[in-house]
Amino acid sequence: SNASLSGSLDIARATLDALNLRAPVSGQLTAFS
């Protein structure tokens, strides 16, 4: 249960961190307006 709660907290933090949009791979960025 502790691990599940910790994972839930990590998901919540990752969701908040998703507001910082990052490049998933290297390459040329297109259609970004």
Full PDB file with SEQRES, HELIX, SHEET, SSBOND, CRYST1, ORIGX, SCALE, CONECT and MASTER records, all heavy atoms in Angstrom:
SEQRES   1 A   33  SER ASN ALA SER LEU SER GLY SER LEU ASP ILE ALA ARG          
SEQRES   2 A   33  ALA THR LEU ASP ALA LEU ASN LEU ARG ALA PRO VAL SER          
SEQRES   3 A   33  GLY GLN LEU THR ALA PHE SER                                  
HELIX    1 AA1 ASN A    2  ASP A   17  1                                  16    
CRYST1    1.000    1.000    1.000  90.00  90.00  90.00 P 1           1          
ORIGX1      1.000000  0.000000  0.000000        0.00000                         
ORIGX2      0.000000  1.000000  0.000000        0.00000                         
ORIGX3      0.000000  0.000000  1.000000        0.00000                         
SCALE1      1.000000  0.000000  0.000000        0.00000                         
SCALE2      0.000000  1.000000  0.000000        0.00000                         
SCALE3      0.000000  0.000000  1.000000        0.00000                         
ATOM      1  N   SER A   1       0.828  -1.208   0.000  1.00  0.00           N  
ATOM      2  CA  SER A   1       0.000   0.000   0.000  1.00  0.00           C  
ATOM      3  C   SER A   1       0.857   1.250   0.000  1.00  0.00           C  
ATOM      4  O   SER A   1       0.543   2.242  -0.682  1.00  0.00           O  
ATOM      5  CB  SER A   1      -0.925  -0.010   1.215  1.00  0.00           C  
ATOM      6  OG  SER A   1      -1.788  -1.128   1.198  1.00  0.00           O  
ATOM      7  N   ASN A   2       1.937   1.185   0.729  1.00  0.00           N  
ATOM      8  CA  ASN A   2       2.853   2.331   0.773  1.00  0.00           C  
ATOM      9  C   ASN A   2       3.451   2.598  -0.609  1.00  0.00           C  
ATOM     10  O   ASN A   2       3.529   3.750  -1.067  1.00  0.00           O  
ATOM     11  CB  ASN A   2       3.962   2.064   1.790  1.00  0.00           C  
ATOM     12  CG  ASN A   2       4.788   3.299   2.087  1.00  0.00           C  
ATOM     13  OD1 ASN A   2       4.491   4.390   1.595  1.00  0.00           O  
ATOM     14  ND2 ASN A   2       5.834   3.154   2.888  1.00  0.00           N  
ATOM     15  N   ALA A   3       3.869   1.507  -1.279  1.00  0.00           N  
ATOM     16  CA  ALA A   3       4.432   1.671  -2.626  1.00  0.00           C  
ATOM     17  C   ALA A   3       3.380   2.209  -3.597  1.00  0.00           C  
ATOM     18  O   ALA A   3       3.677   3.041  -4.464  1.00  0.00           O  
ATOM     19  CB  ALA A   3       4.974   0.333  -3.122  1.00  0.00           C  
ATOM     20  N   SER A   4       2.123   1.737  -3.467  1.00  0.00           N  
ATOM     21  CA  SER A   4       1.063   2.217  -4.341  1.00  0.00           C  
ATOM     22  C   SER A   4       0.814   3.705  -4.132  1.00  0.00           C  
ATOM     23  O   SER A   4       0.651   4.473  -5.092  1.00  0.00           O  
ATOM     24  CB  SER A   4      -0.213   1.419  -4.091  1.00  0.00           C  
ATOM     25  OG  SER A   4      -1.271   1.907  -4.883  1.00  0.00           O  
ATOM     26  N   LEU A   5       0.781   4.117  -2.873  1.00  0.00           N  
ATOM     27  CA  LEU A   5       0.579   5.540  -2.589  1.00  0.00           C  
ATOM     28  C   LEU A   5       1.747   6.378  -3.098  1.00  0.00           C  
ATOM     29  O   LEU A   5       1.558   7.463  -3.645  1.00  0.00           O  
ATOM     30  CB  LEU A   5       0.390   5.748  -1.085  1.00  0.00           C  
ATOM     31  CG  LEU A   5      -0.942   5.257  -0.505  1.00  0.00           C  
ATOM     32  CD1 LEU A   5      -0.941   5.397   1.016  1.00  0.00           C  
ATOM     33  CD2 LEU A   5      -2.104   6.055  -1.097  1.00  0.00           C  
ATOM     34  N   SER A   6       2.951   5.851  -2.921  1.00  0.00           N  
ATOM     35  CA  SER A   6       4.121   6.580  -3.428  1.00  0.00           C  
ATOM     36  C   SER A   6       4.073   6.682  -4.949  1.00  0.00           C  
ATOM     37  O   SER A   6       4.403   7.727  -5.518  1.00  0.00           O  
ATOM     38  CB  SER A   6       5.402   5.878  -2.976  1.00  0.00           C  
ATOM     39  OG  SER A   6       5.493   5.856  -1.559  1.00  0.00           O  
ATOM     40  N   GLY A   7       3.646   5.578  -5.629  1.00  0.00           N  
ATOM     41  CA  GLY A   7       3.510   5.632  -7.076  1.00  0.00           C  
ATOM     42  C   GLY A   7       2.446   6.623  -7.511  1.00  0.00           C  
ATOM     43  O   GLY A   7       2.617   7.341  -8.507  1.00  0.00           O  
ATOM     44  N   SER A   8       1.335   6.674  -6.754  1.00  0.00           N  
ATOM     45  CA  SER A   8       0.292   7.641  -7.064  1.00  0.00           C  
ATOM     46  C   SER A   8       0.806   9.066  -6.933  1.00  0.00           C  
ATOM     47  O   SER A   8       0.492   9.934  -7.760  1.00  0.00           O  
ATOM     48  CB  SER A   8      -0.908   7.423  -6.141  1.00  0.00           C  
ATOM     49  OG  SER A   8      -1.892   8.410  -6.348  1.00  0.00           O  
ATOM     50  N   LEU A   9       1.618   9.283  -5.916  1.00  0.00           N  
ATOM     51  CA  LEU A   9       2.193  10.616  -5.737  1.00  0.00           C  
ATOM     52  C   LEU A   9       3.168  10.936  -6.866  1.00  0.00           C  
ATOM     53  O   LEU A   9       3.204  12.071  -7.361  1.00  0.00           O  
ATOM     54  CB  LEU A   9       2.905  10.690  -4.384  1.00  0.00           C  
ATOM     55  CG  LEU A   9       3.506  12.045  -4.003  1.00  0.00           C  
ATOM     56  CD1 LEU A   9       2.436  13.129  -3.995  1.00  0.00           C  
ATOM     57  CD2 LEU A   9       4.202  11.963  -2.644  1.00  0.00           C  
ATOM     58  N   ASP A  10       3.937   9.935  -7.294  1.00  0.00           N  
ATOM     59  CA  ASP A  10       4.862  10.160  -8.412  1.00  0.00           C  
ATOM     60  C   ASP A  10       4.099  10.502  -9.695  1.00  0.00           C  
ATOM     61  O   ASP A  10       4.534  11.355 -10.483  1.00  0.00           O  
ATOM     62  CB  ASP A  10       5.720   8.906  -8.638  1.00  0.00           C  
ATOM     63  CG  ASP A  10       6.692   8.665  -7.492  1.00  0.00           C  
ATOM     64  OD1 ASP A  10       6.994   9.629  -6.767  1.00  0.00           O  
ATOM     65  OD2 ASP A  10       7.141   7.513  -7.339  1.00  0.00           O  
ATOM     66  N   ILE A  11       2.947   9.814  -9.913  1.00  0.00           N  
ATOM     67  CA  ILE A  11       2.148  10.112 -11.096  1.00  0.00           C  
ATOM     68  C   ILE A  11       1.616  11.538 -11.034  1.00  0.00           C  
ATOM     69  O   ILE A  11       1.613  12.271 -12.037  1.00  0.00           O  
ATOM     70  CB  ILE A  11       0.985   9.108 -11.217  1.00  0.00           C  
ATOM     71  CG1 ILE A  11       1.533   7.710 -11.529  1.00  0.00           C  
ATOM     72  CG2 ILE A  11      -0.010   9.540 -12.296  1.00  0.00           C  
ATOM     73  CD1 ILE A  11       0.478   6.625 -11.541  1.00  0.00           C  
ATOM     74  N   ALA A  12       1.177  11.956  -9.851  1.00  0.00           N  
ATOM     75  CA  ALA A  12       0.686  13.320  -9.704  1.00  0.00           C  
ATOM     76  C   ALA A  12       1.794  14.328  -9.989  1.00  0.00           C  
ATOM     77  O   ALA A  12       1.569  15.354 -10.645  1.00  0.00           O  
ATOM     78  CB  ALA A  12       0.123  13.513  -8.301  1.00  0.00           C  
ATOM     79  N   ARG A  13       2.985  14.034  -9.493  1.00  0.00           N  
ATOM     80  CA  ARG A  13       4.102  14.934  -9.764  1.00  0.00           C  
ATOM     81  C   ARG A  13       4.467  14.949 -11.250  1.00  0.00           C  
ATOM     82  O   ARG A  13       4.780  15.988 -11.823  1.00  0.00           O  
ATOM     83  CB  ARG A  13       5.304  14.504  -8.936  1.00  0.00           C  
ATOM     84  CG  ARG A  13       5.146  14.783  -7.436  1.00  0.00           C  
ATOM     85  CD  ARG A  13       6.248  14.137  -6.639  1.00  0.00           C  
ATOM     86  NE  ARG A  13       6.117  14.427  -5.214  1.00  0.00           N  
ATOM     87  CZ  ARG A  13       6.771  13.780  -4.251  1.00  0.00           C  
ATOM     88  NH1 ARG A  13       7.600  12.771  -4.592  1.00  0.00           N  
ATOM     89  NH2 ARG A  13       6.597  14.104  -2.992  1.00  0.00           N  
ATOM     90  N   ALA A  14       4.429  13.740 -11.883  1.00  0.00           N  
ATOM     91  CA  ALA A  14       4.728  13.677 -13.316  1.00  0.00           C  
ATOM     92  C   ALA A  14       3.679  14.433 -14.127  1.00  0.00           C  
ATOM     93  O   ALA A  14       3.992  15.073 -15.136  1.00  0.00           O  
ATOM     94  CB  ALA A  14       4.792  12.217 -13.764  1.00  0.00           C  
ATOM     95  N   THR A  15       2.417  14.365 -13.681  1.00  0.00           N  
ATOM     96  CA  THR A  15       1.364  15.109 -14.368  1.00  0.00           C  
ATOM     97  C   THR A  15       1.619  16.607 -14.290  1.00  0.00           C  
ATOM     98  O   THR A  15       1.445  17.339 -15.277  1.00  0.00           O  
ATOM     99  CB  THR A  15       0.003  14.769 -13.752  1.00  0.00           C  
ATOM    100  OG1 THR A  15      -0.219  13.361 -13.853  1.00  0.00           O  
ATOM    101  CG2 THR A  15      -1.118  15.498 -14.467  1.00  0.00           C  
ATOM    102  N   LEU A  16       2.048  17.052 -13.140  1.00  0.00           N  
ATOM    103  CA  LEU A  16       2.368  18.478 -13.007  1.00  0.00           C  
ATOM    104  C   LEU A  16       3.597  18.823 -13.834  1.00  0.00           C  
ATOM    105  O   LEU A  16       3.660  19.891 -14.467  1.00  0.00           O  
ATOM    106  CB  LEU A  16       2.599  18.816 -11.532  1.00  0.00           C  
ATOM    107  CG  LEU A  16       2.824  20.302 -11.220  1.00  0.00           C  
ATOM    108  CD1 LEU A  16       1.593  21.116 -11.599  1.00  0.00           C  
ATOM    109  CD2 LEU A  16       3.146  20.503  -9.741  1.00  0.00           C  
ATOM    110  N   ASP A  17       4.563  17.911 -13.858  1.00  0.00           N  
ATOM    111  CA  ASP A  17       5.769  18.176 -14.646  1.00  0.00           C  
ATOM    112  C   ASP A  17       5.460  18.168 -16.146  1.00  0.00           C  
ATOM    113  O   ASP A  17       6.204  18.760 -16.934  1.00  0.00           O  
ATOM    114  CB  ASP A  17       6.835  17.124 -14.327  1.00  0.00           C  
ATOM    115  CG  ASP A  17       8.152  17.419 -15.022  1.00  0.00           C  
ATOM    116  OD1 ASP A  17       8.773  18.450 -14.709  1.00  0.00           O  
ATOM    117  OD2 ASP A  17       8.539  16.636 -15.908  1.00  0.00           O  
ATOM    118  N   ALA A  18       4.357  17.499 -16.554  1.00  0.00           N  
ATOM    119  CA  ALA A  18       3.984  17.481 -17.967  1.00  0.00           C  
ATOM    120  C   ALA A  18       3.599  18.863 -18.466  1.00  0.00           C  
ATOM    121  O   ALA A  18       3.526  19.077 -19.688  1.00  0.00           O  
ATOM    122  CB  ALA A  18       2.830  16.502 -18.189  1.00  0.00           C  
ATOM    123  N   LEU A  19       3.348  19.786 -17.562  1.00  0.00           N  
ATOM    124  CA  LEU A  19       3.097  21.168 -17.988  1.00  0.00           C  
ATOM    125  C   LEU A  19       4.351  21.799 -18.573  1.00  0.00           C  
ATOM    126  O   LEU A  19       4.263  22.825 -19.255  1.00  0.00           O  
ATOM    127  CB  LEU A  19       2.582  21.993 -16.808  1.00  0.00           C  
ATOM    128  CG  LEU A  19       1.206  21.575 -16.257  1.00  0.00           C  
ATOM    129  CD1 LEU A  19       0.870  22.389 -15.015  1.00  0.00           C  
ATOM    130  CD2 LEU A  19       0.133  21.741 -17.318  1.00  0.00           C  
ATOM    131  N   ASN A  20       5.503  21.202 -18.281  1.00  0.00           N  
ATOM    132  CA  ASN A  20       6.755  21.619 -18.923  1.00  0.00           C  
ATOM    133  C   ASN A  20       6.936  20.750 -20.165  1.00  0.00           C  
ATOM    134  O   ASN A  20       7.324  19.588 -20.076  1.00  0.00           O  
ATOM    135  CB  ASN A  20       7.934  21.455 -17.968  1.00  0.00           C  
ATOM    136  CG  ASN A  20       7.786  22.320 -16.727  1.00  0.00           C  
ATOM    137  OD1 ASN A  20       7.348  23.468 -16.813  1.00  0.00           O  
ATOM    138  ND2 ASN A  20       8.134  21.765 -15.570  1.00  0.00           N  
ATOM    139  N   LEU A  21       6.613  21.305 -21.309  1.00  0.00           N  
ATOM    140  CA  LEU A  21       6.635  20.537 -22.553  1.00  0.00           C  
ATOM    141  C   LEU A  21       8.069  20.342 -23.019  1.00  0.00           C  
ATOM    142  O   LEU A  21       8.776  21.311 -23.288  1.00  0.00           O  
ATOM    143  CB  LEU A  21       5.819  21.264 -23.628  1.00  0.00           C  
ATOM    144  CG  LEU A  21       5.642  20.535 -24.954  1.00  0.00           C  
ATOM    145  CD1 LEU A  21       4.879  19.239 -24.743  1.00  0.00           C  
ATOM    146  CD2 LEU A  21       4.916  21.422 -25.961  1.00  0.00           C  
ATOM    147  N   ARG A  22       8.502  19.066 -23.127  1.00  0.00           N  
ATOM    148  CA  ARG A  22       9.875  18.738 -23.519  1.00  0.00           C  
ATOM    149  C   ARG A  22       9.875  17.901 -24.795  1.00  0.00           C  
ATOM    150  O   ARG A  22       8.886  17.229 -25.113  1.00  0.00           O  
ATOM    151  CB  ARG A  22      10.600  17.983 -22.399  1.00  0.00           C  
ATOM    152  CG  ARG A  22      10.685  18.771 -21.097  1.00  0.00           C  
ATOM    153  CD  ARG A  22      11.414  17.989 -20.010  1.00  0.00           C  
ATOM    154  NE  ARG A  22      11.431  18.727 -18.747  1.00  0.00           N  
ATOM    155  CZ  ARG A  22      12.321  19.659 -18.440  1.00  0.00           C  
ATOM    156  NH1 ARG A  22      13.294  19.944 -19.311  1.00  0.00           N  
ATOM    157  NH2 ARG A  22      12.269  20.288 -17.293  1.00  0.00           N  
ATOM    158  N   ALA A  23      11.000  17.926 -25.488  1.00  0.00           N  
ATOM    159  CA  ALA A  23      11.140  17.156 -26.730  1.00  0.00           C  
ATOM    160  C   ALA A  23      11.363  15.681 -26.394  1.00  0.00           C  
ATOM    161  O   ALA A  23      12.322  15.344 -25.692  1.00  0.00           O  
ATOM    162  CB  ALA A  23      12.309  17.687 -27.547  1.00  0.00           C  
ATOM    163  N   PRO A  24      10.500  14.784 -26.878  1.00  0.00           N  
ATOM    164  CA  PRO A  24      10.683  13.353 -26.578  1.00  0.00           C  
ATOM    165  C   PRO A  24      11.860  12.725 -27.324  1.00  0.00           C  
ATOM    166  O   PRO A  24      12.425  11.738 -26.871  1.00  0.00           O  
ATOM    167  CB  PRO A  24       9.352  12.728 -27.008  1.00  0.00           C  
ATOM    168  CG  PRO A  24       8.814  13.668 -28.038  1.00  0.00           C  
ATOM    169  CD  PRO A  24       9.279  15.039 -27.653  1.00  0.00           C  
ATOM    170  N   VAL A  25      12.224  13.295 -28.487  1.00  0.00           N  
ATOM    171  CA  VAL A  25      13.341  12.786 -29.288  1.00  0.00           C  
ATOM    172  C   VAL A  25      14.076  13.975 -29.896  1.00  0.00           C  
ATOM    173  O   VAL A  25      13.592  15.114 -29.867  1.00  0.00           O  
ATOM    174  CB  VAL A  25      12.864  11.831 -30.414  1.00  0.00           C  
ATOM    175  CG1 VAL A  25      12.248  10.561 -29.859  1.00  0.00           C  
ATOM    176  CG2 VAL A  25      11.882  12.550 -31.328  1.00  0.00           C  
ATOM    177  N   SER A  26      15.240  13.701 -30.431  1.00  0.00           N  
ATOM    178  CA  SER A  26      16.000  14.741 -31.129  1.00  0.00           C  
ATOM    179  C   SER A  26      15.552  14.811 -32.586  1.00  0.00           C  
ATOM    180  O   SER A  26      15.231  13.792 -33.201  1.00  0.00           O  
ATOM    181  CB  SER A  26      17.499  14.435 -31.064  1.00  0.00           C  
ATOM    182  OG  SER A  26      17.947  14.396 -29.718  1.00  0.00           O  
ATOM    183  N   GLY A  27      15.528  16.021 -33.124  1.00  0.00           N  
ATOM    184  CA  GLY A  27      15.133  16.183 -34.518  1.00  0.00           C  
ATOM    185  C   GLY A  27      14.721  17.609 -34.808  1.00  0.00           C  
ATOM    186  O   GLY A  27      15.033  18.546 -34.047  1.00  0.00           O  
ATOM    187  N   GLN A  28      13.982  17.769 -35.900  1.00  0.00           N  
ATOM    188  CA  GLN A  28      13.527  19.093 -36.320  1.00  0.00           C  
ATOM    189  C   GLN A  28      12.078  19.289 -35.898  1.00  0.00           C  
ATOM    190  O   GLN A  28      11.204  18.496 -36.215  1.00  0.00           O  
ATOM    191  CB  GLN A  28      13.657  19.264 -37.833  1.00  0.00           C  
ATOM    192  CG  GLN A  28      13.293  20.668 -38.319  1.00  0.00           C  
ATOM    193  CD  GLN A  28      13.497  20.823 -39.811  1.00  0.00           C  
ATOM    194  OE1 GLN A  28      13.531  19.837 -40.537  1.00  0.00           O  
ATOM    195  NE2 GLN A  28      13.630  22.051 -40.275  1.00  0.00           N  
ATOM    196  N   LEU A  29      11.836  20.394 -35.184  1.00  0.00           N  
ATOM    197  CA  LEU A  29      10.500  20.723 -34.705  1.00  0.00           C  
ATOM    198  C   LEU A  29       9.717  21.401 -35.822  1.00  0.00           C  
ATOM    199  O   LEU A  29      10.164  22.398 -36.388  1.00  0.00           O  
ATOM    200  CB  LEU A  29      10.601  21.639 -33.483  1.00  0.00           C  
ATOM    201  CG  LEU A  29       9.294  22.070 -32.841  1.00  0.00           C  
ATOM    202  CD1 LEU A  29       8.571  20.878 -32.240  1.00  0.00           C  
ATOM    203  CD2 LEU A  29       9.560  23.125 -31.752  1.00  0.00           C  
ATOM    204  N   THR A  30       8.547  20.851 -36.151  1.00  0.00           N  
ATOM    205  CA  THR A  30       7.716  21.423 -37.213  1.00  0.00           C  
ATOM    206  C   THR A  30       6.273  21.523 -36.733  1.00  0.00           C  
ATOM    207  O   THR A  30       5.869  20.845 -35.773  1.00  0.00           O  
ATOM    208  CB  THR A  30       7.772  20.567 -38.492  1.00  0.00           C  
ATOM    209  OG1 THR A  30       7.313  19.234 -38.189  1.00  0.00           O  
ATOM    210  CG2 THR A  30       9.193  20.498 -39.031  1.00  0.00           C  
ATOM    211  N   ALA A  31       5.499  22.365 -37.420  1.00  0.00           N  
ATOM    212  CA  ALA A  31       4.078  22.582 -37.118  1.00  0.00           C  
ATOM    213  C   ALA A  31       3.872  23.011 -35.672  1.00  0.00           C  
ATOM    214  O   ALA A  31       2.859  22.688 -35.057  1.00  0.00           O  
ATOM    215  CB  ALA A  31       3.269  21.312 -37.426  1.00  0.00           C  
ATOM    216  N   PHE A  32       4.837  23.766 -35.128  1.00  0.00           N  
ATOM    217  CA  PHE A  32       4.790  24.210 -33.730  1.00  0.00           C  
ATOM    218  C   PHE A  32       4.476  25.708 -33.739  1.00  0.00           C  
ATOM    219  O   PHE A  32       5.350  26.531 -33.989  1.00  0.00           O  
ATOM    220  CB  PHE A  32       6.144  23.929 -33.067  1.00  0.00           C  
ATOM    221  CG  PHE A  32       6.152  24.146 -31.578  1.00  0.00           C  
ATOM    222  CD1 PHE A  32       5.482  23.274 -30.747  1.00  0.00           C  
ATOM    223  CD2 PHE A  32       6.833  25.221 -31.022  1.00  0.00           C  
ATOM    224  CE1 PHE A  32       5.499  23.456 -29.371  1.00  0.00           C  
ATOM    225  CE2 PHE A  32       6.855  25.404 -29.662  1.00  0.00           C  
ATOM    226  CZ  PHE A  32       6.173  24.525 -28.825  1.00  0.00           C  
ATOM    227  N   SER A  33       3.226  26.039 -33.469  1.00  0.00           N  
ATOM    228  CA  SER A  33       2.797  27.433 -33.622  1.00  0.00           C  
ATOM    229  C   SER A  33       2.019  27.958 -32.424  1.00  0.00           C  
ATOM    230  O   SER A  33       1.150  28.809 -32.563  1.00  0.00           O  
ATOM    231  CB  SER A  33       1.936  27.567 -34.889  1.00  0.00           C  
ATOM    232  OG  SER A  33       0.797  26.707 -34.800  1.00  0.00           O  
TER     233      SER A  33                                                      
MASTER        0    0    0    1    0    0    0    6  232    1    0    3          
END                                                                             
